[in-house]
All heavy atoms as atom14 arrays in JSON, in Angstrom:
{
  "sequence": "VRGKVQAGDYILPSGLNDGTGVAVGQTAMAPVHYMQIIGRTWESSD",
  "atom14_mask": [
    [1, 1, 1, 1, 1, 1, 1, 0, 0, 0, 0, 0, 0, 0],
    [1, 1, 1, 1, 1, 1, 1, 1, 1, 1, 1, 0, 0, 0],
    [1, 1, 1, 1, 0, 0, 0, 0, 0, 0, 0, 0, 0, 0],
    [1, 1, 1, 1, 1, 1, 1, 1, 1, 0, 0, 0, 0, 0],
    [1, 1, 1, 1, 1, 1, 1, 0, 0, 0, 0, 0, 0, 0],
    [1, 1, 1, 1, 1, 1, 1, 1, 1, 0, 0, 0, 0, 0],
    [1, 1, 1, 1, 1, 0, 0, 0, 0, 0, 0, 0, 0, 0],
    [1, 1, 1, 1, 0, 0, 0, 0, 0, 0, 0, 0, 0, 0],
    [1, 1, 1, 1, 1, 1, 1, 1, 0, 0, 0, 0, 0, 0],
    [1, 1, 1, 1, 1, 1, 1, 1, 1, 1, 1, 1, 0, 0],
    [1, 1, 1, 1, 1, 1, 1, 1, 0, 0, 0, 0, 0, 0],
    [1, 1, 1, 1, 1, 1, 1, 1, 0, 0, 0, 0, 0, 0],
    [1, 1, 1, 1, 1, 1, 1, 0, 0, 0, 0, 0, 0, 0],
    [1, 1, 1, 1, 1, 1, 0, 0, 0, 0, 0, 0, 0, 0],
    [1, 1, 1, 1, 0, 0, 0, 0, 0, 0, 0, 0, 0, 0],
    [1, 1, 1, 1, 1, 1, 1, 1, 0, 0, 0, 0, 0, 0],
    [1, 1, 1, 1, 1, 1, 1, 1, 0, 0, 0, 0, 0, 0],
    [1, 1, 1, 1, 1, 1, 1, 1, 0, 0, 0, 0, 0, 0],
    [1, 1, 1, 1, 0, 0, 0, 0, 0, 0, 0, 0, 0, 0],
    [1, 1, 1, 1, 1, 1, 1, 0, 0, 0, 0, 0, 0, 0],
    [1, 1, 1, 1, 0, 0, 0, 0, 0, 0, 0, 0, 0, 0],
    [1, 1, 1, 1, 1, 1, 1, 0, 0, 0, 0, 0, 0, 0],
    [1, 1, 1, 1, 1, 0, 0, 0, 0, 0, 0, 0, 0, 0],
    [1, 1, 1, 1, 1, 1, 1, 0, 0, 0, 0, 0, 0, 0],
    [1, 1, 1, 1, 0, 0, 0, 0, 0, 0, 0, 0, 0, 0],
    [1, 1, 1, 1, 1, 1, 1, 1, 1, 0, 0, 0, 0, 0],
    [1, 1, 1, 1, 1, 1, 1, 0, 0, 0, 0, 0, 0, 0],
    [1, 1, 1, 1, 1, 0, 0, 0, 0, 0, 0, 0, 0, 0],
    [1, 1, 1, 1, 1, 1, 1, 1, 0, 0, 0, 0, 0, 0],
    [1, 1, 1, 1, 1, 0, 0, 0, 0, 0, 0, 0, 0, 0],
    [1, 1, 1, 1, 1, 1, 1, 0, 0, 0, 0, 0, 0, 0],
    [1, 1, 1, 1, 1, 1, 1, 0, 0, 0, 0, 0, 0, 0],
    [1, 1, 1, 1, 1, 1, 1, 1, 1, 1, 0, 0, 0, 0],
    [1, 1, 1, 1, 1, 1, 1, 1, 1, 1, 1, 1, 0, 0],
    [1, 1, 1, 1, 1, 1, 1, 1, 0, 0, 0, 0, 0, 0],
    [1, 1, 1, 1, 1, 1, 1, 1, 1, 0, 0, 0, 0, 0],
    [1, 1, 1, 1, 1, 1, 1, 1, 0, 0, 0, 0, 0, 0],
    [1, 1, 1, 1, 1, 1, 1, 1, 0, 0, 0, 0, 0, 0],
    [1, 1, 1, 1, 0, 0, 0, 0, 0, 0, 0, 0, 0, 0],
    [1, 1, 1, 1, 1, 1, 1, 1, 1, 1, 1, 0, 0, 0],
    [1, 1, 1, 1, 1, 1, 1, 0, 0, 0, 0, 0, 0, 0],
    [1, 1, 1, 1, 1, 1, 1, 1, 1, 1, 1, 1, 1, 1],
    [1, 1, 1, 1, 1, 1, 1, 1, 1, 0, 0, 0, 0, 0],
    [1, 1, 1, 1, 1, 1, 0, 0, 0, 0, 0, 0, 0, 0],
    [1, 1, 1, 1, 1, 1, 0, 0, 0, 0, 0, 0, 0, 0],
    [1, 1, 1, 1, 1, 1, 1, 1, 0, 0, 0, 0, 0, 0]
  ],
  "atom14_positions": [
    [[-48.9, -38.53, -2.69], [-49.7, -37.45, -2.14], [-49.95, -36.4, -3.21], [-49.04, -36.02, -3.95], [-49.0, -36.81, -0.92], [-49.81, -35.64, -0.38], [-48.78, -37.85, 0.17], [0.0, 0.0, 0.0], [0.0, 0.0, 0.0], [0.0, 0.0, 0.0], [0.0, 0.0, 0.0], [0.0, 0.0, 0.0], [0.0, 0.0, 0.0], [0.0, 0.0, 0.0]],
    [[-51.18, -35.95, -3.29], [-51.63, -34.95, -4.27], [-51.68, -33.58, -3.58], [-52.3, -33.43, -2.53], [-53.02, -35.36, -4.74], [-53.66, -34.51, -5.77], [-55.04, -35.06, -6.12], [-55.0, -36.42, -6.6], [-54.71, -36.77, -7.86], [-54.43, -35.84, -8.75], [-54.7, -38.04, -8.22], [0.0, 0.0, 0.0], [0.0, 0.0, 0.0], [0.0, 0.0, 0.0]],
    [[-51.01, -32.58, -4.17], [-51.06, -31.22, -3.63], [-49.93, -30.92, -2.65], [-49.07, -31.74, -2.39], [0.0, 0.0, 0.0], [0.0, 0.0, 0.0], [0.0, 0.0, 0.0], [0.0, 0.0, 0.0], [0.0, 0.0, 0.0], [0.0, 0.0, 0.0], [0.0, 0.0, 0.0], [0.0, 0.0, 0.0], [0.0, 0.0, 0.0], [0.0, 0.0, 0.0]],
    [[-49.98, -29.69, -2.13], [-48.94, -29.22, -1.21], [-48.97, -29.98, 0.1], [-50.02, -30.43, 0.55], [-49.11, -27.73, -0.94], [-48.88, -26.86, -2.16], [-49.04, -25.4, -1.83], [-48.81, -24.57, -3.09], [-48.91, -23.12, -2.8], [0.0, 0.0, 0.0], [0.0, 0.0, 0.0], [0.0, 0.0, 0.0], [0.0, 0.0, 0.0], [0.0, 0.0, 0.0]],
    [[-47.78, -30.08, 0.72], [-47.61, -30.82, 1.97], [-46.66, -30.05, 2.87], [-45.63, -29.56, 2.41], [-47.0, -32.22, 1.7], [-46.79, -32.98, 2.99], [-47.82, -33.0, 0.72], [0.0, 0.0, 0.0], [0.0, 0.0, 0.0], [0.0, 0.0, 0.0], [0.0, 0.0, 0.0], [0.0, 0.0, 0.0], [0.0, 0.0, 0.0], [0.0, 0.0, 0.0]],
    [[-46.99, -29.97, 4.15], [-46.09, -29.42, 5.15], [-45.74, -30.53, 6.13], [-46.6, -31.33, 6.51], [-46.75, -28.26, 5.9], [-47.0, -27.04, 5.06], [-45.7, -26.46, 4.52], [-44.72, -26.3, 5.24], [-45.69, -26.15, 3.23], [0.0, 0.0, 0.0], [0.0, 0.0, 0.0], [0.0, 0.0, 0.0], [0.0, 0.0, 0.0], [0.0, 0.0, 0.0]],
    [[-44.47, -30.58, 6.54], [-44.06, -31.58, 7.53], [-44.99, -31.52, 8.73], [-45.3, -30.43, 9.22], [-42.61, -31.35, 7.95], [0.0, 0.0, 0.0], [0.0, 0.0, 0.0], [0.0, 0.0, 0.0], [0.0, 0.0, 0.0], [0.0, 0.0, 0.0], [0.0, 0.0, 0.0], [0.0, 0.0, 0.0], [0.0, 0.0, 0.0], [0.0, 0.0, 0.0]],
    [[-45.47, -32.68, 9.17], [-46.38, -32.75, 10.3], [-47.84, -32.84, 9.9], [-48.7, -33.12, 10.74], [0.0, 0.0, 0.0], [0.0, 0.0, 0.0], [0.0, 0.0, 0.0], [0.0, 0.0, 0.0], [0.0, 0.0, 0.0], [0.0, 0.0, 0.0], [0.0, 0.0, 0.0], [0.0, 0.0, 0.0], [0.0, 0.0, 0.0], [0.0, 0.0, 0.0]],
    [[-48.15, -32.58, 8.61], [-49.54, -32.72, 8.15], [-49.99, -34.17, 8.28], [-49.18, -35.1, 8.22], [-49.68, -32.32, 6.68], [-49.67, -30.82, 6.44], [-49.71, -30.05, 7.42], [-49.62, -30.44, 5.25], [0.0, 0.0, 0.0], [0.0, 0.0, 0.0], [0.0, 0.0, 0.0], [0.0, 0.0, 0.0], [0.0, 0.0, 0.0], [0.0, 0.0, 0.0]],
    [[-51.28, -34.36, 8.39], [-51.87, -35.69, 8.36], [-52.15, -36.05, 6.9], [-52.54, -35.19, 6.11], [-53.19, -35.73, 9.14], [-53.01, -35.56, 10.62], [-53.16, -34.32, 11.22], [-52.7, -36.65, 11.43], [-53.0, -34.16, 12.58], [-52.53, -36.5, 12.79], [-52.68, -35.25, 13.36], [-52.52, -35.1, 14.72], [0.0, 0.0, 0.0], [0.0, 0.0, 0.0]],
    [[-51.97, -37.31, 6.55], [-52.3, -37.78, 5.21], [-53.57, -38.61, 5.29], [-53.67, -39.55, 6.09], [-51.16, -38.62, 4.58], [-49.9, -37.77, 4.47], [-51.58, -39.18, 3.23], [-50.03, -36.53, 3.59], [0.0, 0.0, 0.0], [0.0, 0.0, 0.0], [0.0, 0.0, 0.0], [0.0, 0.0, 0.0], [0.0, 0.0, 0.0], [0.0, 0.0, 0.0]],
    [[-54.55, -38.22, 4.47], [-55.84, -38.89, 4.37], [-56.02, -39.36, 2.94], [-55.42, -38.79, 2.02], [-56.97, -37.93, 4.72], [-56.87, -37.14, 6.02], [-58.05, -36.18, 6.14], [-56.81, -38.06, 7.2], [0.0, 0.0, 0.0], [0.0, 0.0, 0.0], [0.0, 0.0, 0.0], [0.0, 0.0, 0.0], [0.0, 0.0, 0.0], [0.0, 0.0, 0.0]],
    [[-56.85, -40.36, 2.68], [-57.13, -40.75, 1.3], [-57.73, -39.56, 0.55], [-58.5, -38.78, 1.11], [-58.16, -41.87, 1.43], [-58.08, -42.35, 2.84], [-57.59, -41.18, 3.65], [0.0, 0.0, 0.0], [0.0, 0.0, 0.0], [0.0, 0.0, 0.0], [0.0, 0.0, 0.0], [0.0, 0.0, 0.0], [0.0, 0.0, 0.0], [0.0, 0.0, 0.0]],
    [[-57.4, -39.44, -0.73], [-57.89, -38.31, -1.53], [-59.38, -38.41, -1.8], [-60.01, -37.4, -2.13], [-57.14, -38.25, -2.86], [-57.49, -39.38, -3.66], [0.0, 0.0, 0.0], [0.0, 0.0, 0.0], [0.0, 0.0, 0.0], [0.0, 0.0, 0.0], [0.0, 0.0, 0.0], [0.0, 0.0, 0.0], [0.0, 0.0, 0.0], [0.0, 0.0, 0.0]],
    [[-59.95, -39.61, -1.71], [-61.36, -39.79, -2.06], [-61.57, -40.06, -3.54], [-62.69, -40.27, -3.98], [0.0, 0.0, 0.0], [0.0, 0.0, 0.0], [0.0, 0.0, 0.0], [0.0, 0.0, 0.0], [0.0, 0.0, 0.0], [0.0, 0.0, 0.0], [0.0, 0.0, 0.0], [0.0, 0.0, 0.0], [0.0, 0.0, 0.0], [0.0, 0.0, 0.0]],
    [[-60.47, -40.08, -4.3], [-60.56, -40.31, -5.75], [-60.42, -41.78, -6.11], [-60.48, -42.14, -7.28], [-59.48, -39.49, -6.47], [-59.57, -37.96, -6.26], [-58.37, -37.27, -6.89], [-60.88, -37.44, -6.84], [0.0, 0.0, 0.0], [0.0, 0.0, 0.0], [0.0, 0.0, 0.0], [0.0, 0.0, 0.0], [0.0, 0.0, 0.0], [0.0, 0.0, 0.0]],
    [[-60.17, -42.64, -5.13], [-59.98, -44.08, -5.36], [-58.9, -44.36, -6.4], [-59.03, -45.28, -7.22], [-61.31, -44.74, -5.74], [-62.33, -44.63, -4.64], [-62.01, -44.75, -3.47], [-63.57, -44.38, -5.01], [0.0, 0.0, 0.0], [0.0, 0.0, 0.0], [0.0, 0.0, 0.0], [0.0, 0.0, 0.0], [0.0, 0.0, 0.0], [0.0, 0.0, 0.0]],
    [[-57.83, -43.57, -6.33], [-56.72, -43.72, -7.27], [-55.4, -44.01, -6.57], [-54.33, -43.95, -7.17], [-56.58, -42.48, -8.15], [-56.24, -41.22, -7.36], [-56.21, -41.27, -6.1], [-56.01, -40.17, -8.0], [0.0, 0.0, 0.0], [0.0, 0.0, 0.0], [0.0, 0.0, 0.0], [0.0, 0.0, 0.0], [0.0, 0.0, 0.0], [0.0, 0.0, 0.0]],
    [[-55.44, -44.32, -5.28], [-54.23, -44.64, -4.52], [-53.53, -43.44, -3.93], [-52.53, -43.59, -3.24], [0.0, 0.0, 0.0], [0.0, 0.0, 0.0], [0.0, 0.0, 0.0], [0.0, 0.0, 0.0], [0.0, 0.0, 0.0], [0.0, 0.0, 0.0], [0.0, 0.0, 0.0], [0.0, 0.0, 0.0], [0.0, 0.0, 0.0], [0.0, 0.0, 0.0]],
    [[-54.04, -42.23, -4.17], [-53.38, -41.03, -3.67], [-54.0, -40.55, -2.37], [-55.13, -40.88, -2.03], [-53.43, -39.87, -4.69], [-54.79, -39.48, -4.88], [-52.78, -40.25, -5.99], [0.0, 0.0, 0.0], [0.0, 0.0, 0.0], [0.0, 0.0, 0.0], [0.0, 0.0, 0.0], [0.0, 0.0, 0.0], [0.0, 0.0, 0.0], [0.0, 0.0, 0.0]],
    [[-53.2, -39.74, -1.66], [-53.67, -39.1, -0.45], [-53.57, -37.6, -0.57], [-53.01, -37.07, -1.54], [0.0, 0.0, 0.0], [0.0, 0.0, 0.0], [0.0, 0.0, 0.0], [0.0, 0.0, 0.0], [0.0, 0.0, 0.0], [0.0, 0.0, 0.0], [0.0, 0.0, 0.0], [0.0, 0.0, 0.0], [0.0, 0.0, 0.0], [0.0, 0.0, 0.0]],
    [[-54.1, -36.91, 0.42], [-53.99, -35.46, 0.51], [-53.52, -35.1, 1.91], [-53.78, -35.83, 2.87], [-55.33, -34.75, 0.21], [-55.72, -34.92, -1.25], [-56.43, -35.23, 1.13], [0.0, 0.0, 0.0], [0.0, 0.0, 0.0], [0.0, 0.0, 0.0], [0.0, 0.0, 0.0], [0.0, 0.0, 0.0], [0.0, 0.0, 0.0], [0.0, 0.0, 0.0]],
    [[-52.82, -33.98, 2.0], [-52.32, -33.51, 3.29], [-53.35, -32.57, 3.92], [-53.91, -31.72, 3.25], [-51.0, -32.77, 3.09], [0.0, 0.0, 0.0], [0.0, 0.0, 0.0], [0.0, 0.0, 0.0], [0.0, 0.0, 0.0], [0.0, 0.0, 0.0], [0.0, 0.0, 0.0], [0.0, 0.0, 0.0], [0.0, 0.0, 0.0], [0.0, 0.0, 0.0]],
    [[-53.55, -32.76, 5.22], [-54.46, -31.9, 5.98], [-53.72, -31.44, 7.23], [-53.22, -32.27, 7.99], [-55.76, -32.65, 6.37], [-56.66, -31.76, 7.19], [-56.47, -33.17, 5.13], [0.0, 0.0, 0.0], [0.0, 0.0, 0.0], [0.0, 0.0, 0.0], [0.0, 0.0, 0.0], [0.0, 0.0, 0.0], [0.0, 0.0, 0.0], [0.0, 0.0, 0.0]],
    [[-53.64, -30.13, 7.4], [-52.98, -29.58, 8.58], [-53.77, -29.83, 9.84], [-54.99, -30.04, 9.8], [0.0, 0.0, 0.0], [0.0, 0.0, 0.0], [0.0, 0.0, 0.0], [0.0, 0.0, 0.0], [0.0, 0.0, 0.0], [0.0, 0.0, 0.0], [0.0, 0.0, 0.0], [0.0, 0.0, 0.0], [0.0, 0.0, 0.0], [0.0, 0.0, 0.0]],
    [[-53.1, -29.81, 10.98], [-53.74, -30.13, 12.25], [-54.95, -29.24, 12.53], [-55.97, -29.72, 13.02], [-52.72, -30.01, 13.38], [-53.25, -30.47, 14.71], [-52.17, -30.58, 15.76], [-50.99, -30.43, 15.49], [-52.57, -30.83, 16.98], [0.0, 0.0, 0.0], [0.0, 0.0, 0.0], [0.0, 0.0, 0.0], [0.0, 0.0, 0.0], [0.0, 0.0, 0.0]],
    [[-54.87, -27.96, 12.22], [-55.99, -27.05, 12.5], [-57.17, -27.27, 11.57], [-58.29, -26.85, 11.89], [-55.53, -25.58, 12.42], [-55.02, -25.33, 11.11], [-54.46, -25.27, 13.47], [0.0, 0.0, 0.0], [0.0, 0.0, 0.0], [0.0, 0.0, 0.0], [0.0, 0.0, 0.0], [0.0, 0.0, 0.0], [0.0, 0.0, 0.0], [0.0, 0.0, 0.0]],
    [[-56.97, -27.93, 10.43], [-58.06, -28.19, 9.48], [-58.72, -29.54, 9.7], [-59.7, -29.87, 9.03], [-57.52, -28.1, 8.05], [0.0, 0.0, 0.0], [0.0, 0.0, 0.0], [0.0, 0.0, 0.0], [0.0, 0.0, 0.0], [0.0, 0.0, 0.0], [0.0, 0.0, 0.0], [0.0, 0.0, 0.0], [0.0, 0.0, 0.0], [0.0, 0.0, 0.0]],
    [[-58.2, -30.33, 10.64], [-58.76, -31.65, 10.88], [-60.14, -31.54, 11.52], [-60.36, -30.72, 12.41], [-57.84, -32.47, 11.79], [-56.53, -32.89, 11.15], [-56.73, -34.16, 9.89], [-57.1, -35.58, 10.91], [0.0, 0.0, 0.0], [0.0, 0.0, 0.0], [0.0, 0.0, 0.0], [0.0, 0.0, 0.0], [0.0, 0.0, 0.0], [0.0, 0.0, 0.0]],
    [[-61.06, -32.37, 11.05], [-62.41, -32.46, 11.6], [-62.58, -33.85, 12.2], [-61.85, -34.77, 11.83], [-63.44, -32.22, 10.49], [0.0, 0.0, 0.0], [0.0, 0.0, 0.0], [0.0, 0.0, 0.0], [0.0, 0.0, 0.0], [0.0, 0.0, 0.0], [0.0, 0.0, 0.0], [0.0, 0.0, 0.0], [0.0, 0.0, 0.0], [0.0, 0.0, 0.0]],
    [[-63.54, -34.04, 13.1], [-63.71, -35.36, 13.71], [-63.82, -36.51, 12.7], [-63.29, -37.59, 12.94], [-65.0, -35.19, 14.53], [-65.0, -33.75, 14.9], [-64.44, -33.05, 13.69], [0.0, 0.0, 0.0], [0.0, 0.0, 0.0], [0.0, 0.0, 0.0], [0.0, 0.0, 0.0], [0.0, 0.0, 0.0], [0.0, 0.0, 0.0], [0.0, 0.0, 0.0]],
    [[-64.48, -36.29, 11.6], [-64.64, -37.34, 10.6], [-63.3, -37.78, 9.99], [-63.17, -38.9, 9.51], [-65.62, -36.88, 9.49], [-65.04, -35.76, 8.65], [-66.05, -38.04, 8.63], [0.0, 0.0, 0.0], [0.0, 0.0, 0.0], [0.0, 0.0, 0.0], [0.0, 0.0, 0.0], [0.0, 0.0, 0.0], [0.0, 0.0, 0.0], [0.0, 0.0, 0.0]],
    [[-62.3, -36.92, 10.02], [-60.99, -37.22, 9.43], [-60.18, -38.22, 10.26], [-59.34, -38.94, 9.7], [-60.16, -35.95, 9.28], [-60.71, -35.0, 8.28], [-60.62, -33.63, 8.46], [-61.35, -35.18, 7.12], [-61.18, -33.03, 7.44], [-61.64, -33.95, 6.6], [0.0, 0.0, 0.0], [0.0, 0.0, 0.0], [0.0, 0.0, 0.0], [0.0, 0.0, 0.0]],
    [[-60.38, -38.26, 11.55], [-59.49, -39.04, 12.4], [-59.5, -40.54, 12.12], [-58.49, -41.21, 12.3], [-59.75, -38.73, 13.88], [-59.21, -37.37, 14.24], [-60.03, -36.25, 14.21], [-57.87, -37.19, 14.54], [-59.53, -34.98, 14.49], [-57.36, -35.94, 14.83], [-58.19, -34.84, 14.8], [-57.69, -33.59, 15.07], [0.0, 0.0, 0.0], [0.0, 0.0, 0.0]],
    [[-60.59, -41.08, 11.66], [-60.64, -42.51, 11.32], [-59.98, -42.8, 9.98], [-59.82, -43.95, 9.61], [-62.1, -42.99, 11.3], [-62.74, -43.01, 12.66], [-61.94, -44.14, 13.82], [-62.3, -45.7, 13.08], [0.0, 0.0, 0.0], [0.0, 0.0, 0.0], [0.0, 0.0, 0.0], [0.0, 0.0, 0.0], [0.0, 0.0, 0.0], [0.0, 0.0, 0.0]],
    [[-59.59, -41.75, 9.24], [-59.0, -41.93, 7.92], [-57.5, -41.66, 7.89], [-56.89, -41.72, 6.83], [-59.68, -40.99, 6.92], [-61.15, -41.22, 6.78], [-61.78, -40.2, 5.85], [-61.28, -39.09, 5.69], [-62.87, -40.58, 5.24], [0.0, 0.0, 0.0], [0.0, 0.0, 0.0], [0.0, 0.0, 0.0], [0.0, 0.0, 0.0], [0.0, 0.0, 0.0]],
    [[-56.9, -41.36, 9.01], [-55.48, -40.99, 9.02], [-54.62, -42.17, 8.57], [-54.7, -43.26, 9.12], [-55.03, -40.52, 10.43], [-55.74, -39.23, 10.79], [-53.52, -40.34, 10.47], [-55.5, -38.79, 12.23], [0.0, 0.0, 0.0], [0.0, 0.0, 0.0], [0.0, 0.0, 0.0], [0.0, 0.0, 0.0], [0.0, 0.0, 0.0], [0.0, 0.0, 0.0]],
    [[-53.79, -41.9, 7.57], [-52.81, -42.88, 7.08], [-51.51, -42.71, 7.86], [-50.84, -43.67, 8.21], [-52.53, -42.69, 5.58], [-53.81, -42.73, 4.76], [-51.52, -43.7, 5.07], [-54.57, -44.02, 4.82], [0.0, 0.0, 0.0], [0.0, 0.0, 0.0], [0.0, 0.0, 0.0], [0.0, 0.0, 0.0], [0.0, 0.0, 0.0], [0.0, 0.0, 0.0]],
    [[-51.13, -41.47, 8.14], [-49.9, -41.17, 8.85], [-49.66, -39.67, 8.85], [-50.51, -38.9, 8.41], [0.0, 0.0, 0.0], [0.0, 0.0, 0.0], [0.0, 0.0, 0.0], [0.0, 0.0, 0.0], [0.0, 0.0, 0.0], [0.0, 0.0, 0.0], [0.0, 0.0, 0.0], [0.0, 0.0, 0.0], [0.0, 0.0, 0.0], [0.0, 0.0, 0.0]],
    [[-48.48, -39.28, 9.33], [-48.08, -37.87, 9.34], [-46.82, -37.71, 8.5], [-45.94, -38.57, 8.52], [-47.82, -37.4, 10.76], [-49.12, -37.32, 11.56], [-48.93, -36.71, 12.88], [-49.01, -35.26, 12.76], [-49.04, -34.45, 13.8], [-48.95, -34.93, 15.02], [-49.12, -33.15, 13.64], [0.0, 0.0, 0.0], [0.0, 0.0, 0.0], [0.0, 0.0, 0.0]],
    [[-46.75, -36.6, 7.82], [-45.63, -36.37, 6.91], [-44.36, -36.0, 7.67], [-44.4, -35.35, 8.71], [-45.96, -35.25, 5.91], [-46.23, -34.05, 6.63], [-47.15, -35.62, 5.07], [0.0, 0.0, 0.0], [0.0, 0.0, 0.0], [0.0, 0.0, 0.0], [0.0, 0.0, 0.0], [0.0, 0.0, 0.0], [0.0, 0.0, 0.0], [0.0, 0.0, 0.0]],
    [[-43.26, -36.42, 7.09], [-41.94, -36.11, 7.63], [-41.21, -35.1, 6.76], [-40.07, -34.75, 7.05], [-41.1, -37.39, 7.71], [-41.51, -38.32, 8.8], [-42.78, -38.61, 9.22], [-40.65, -39.08, 9.62], [-42.75, -39.5, 10.23], [-41.44, -39.82, 10.51], [-39.27, -39.23, 9.68], [-40.91, -40.68, 11.45], [-38.75, -40.09, 10.62], [-39.56, -40.8, 11.5]],
    [[-41.86, -34.65, 5.69], [-41.23, -33.7, 4.79], [-42.28, -32.78, 4.19], [-43.47, -33.04, 4.32], [-40.45, -34.44, 3.7], [-41.28, -35.39, 2.88], [-40.43, -36.23, 1.93], [-39.6, -35.67, 1.21], [-40.63, -37.45, 1.91], [0.0, 0.0, 0.0], [0.0, 0.0, 0.0], [0.0, 0.0, 0.0], [0.0, 0.0, 0.0], [0.0, 0.0, 0.0]],
    [[-41.81, -31.73, 3.53], [-42.7, -30.74, 2.92], [-42.48, -30.69, 1.41], [-41.41, -31.07, 0.92], [-42.42, -29.34, 3.49], [-42.61, -29.32, 4.88], [0.0, 0.0, 0.0], [0.0, 0.0, 0.0], [0.0, 0.0, 0.0], [0.0, 0.0, 0.0], [0.0, 0.0, 0.0], [0.0, 0.0, 0.0], [0.0, 0.0, 0.0], [0.0, 0.0, 0.0]],
    [[-43.49, -30.21, 0.69], [-43.38, -30.0, -0.74], [-44.4, -28.96, -1.17], [-45.56, -29.01, -0.74], [-43.63, -31.3, -1.51], [-43.67, -31.05, -2.91], [0.0, 0.0, 0.0], [0.0, 0.0, 0.0], [0.0, 0.0, 0.0], [0.0, 0.0, 0.0], [0.0, 0.0, 0.0], [0.0, 0.0, 0.0], [0.0, 0.0, 0.0], [0.0, 0.0, 0.0]],
    [[-43.98, -28.02, -2.02], [-44.89, -27.02, -2.58], [-45.46, -27.45, -3.92], [-46.25, -26.72, -4.52], [-44.16, -25.68, -2.74], [-43.9, -25.0, -1.4], [-44.72, -25.2, -0.47], [-42.89, -24.29, -1.28], [0.0, 0.0, 0.0], [0.0, 0.0, 0.0], [0.0, 0.0, 0.0], [0.0, 0.0, 0.0], [0.0, 0.0, 0.0], [0.0, 0.0, 0.0]]
  ]
}
């Protein structure tokens, strides 16, 4: 995962086609994101 993560965030592909994902908080999710969900985080990192 690339960038900051909070437990409970959704992980989506980064769009960089490099195998990484990005964390998106529940309030920032848009309808287009829901088909891209990889999973939800169980931990946080700054």
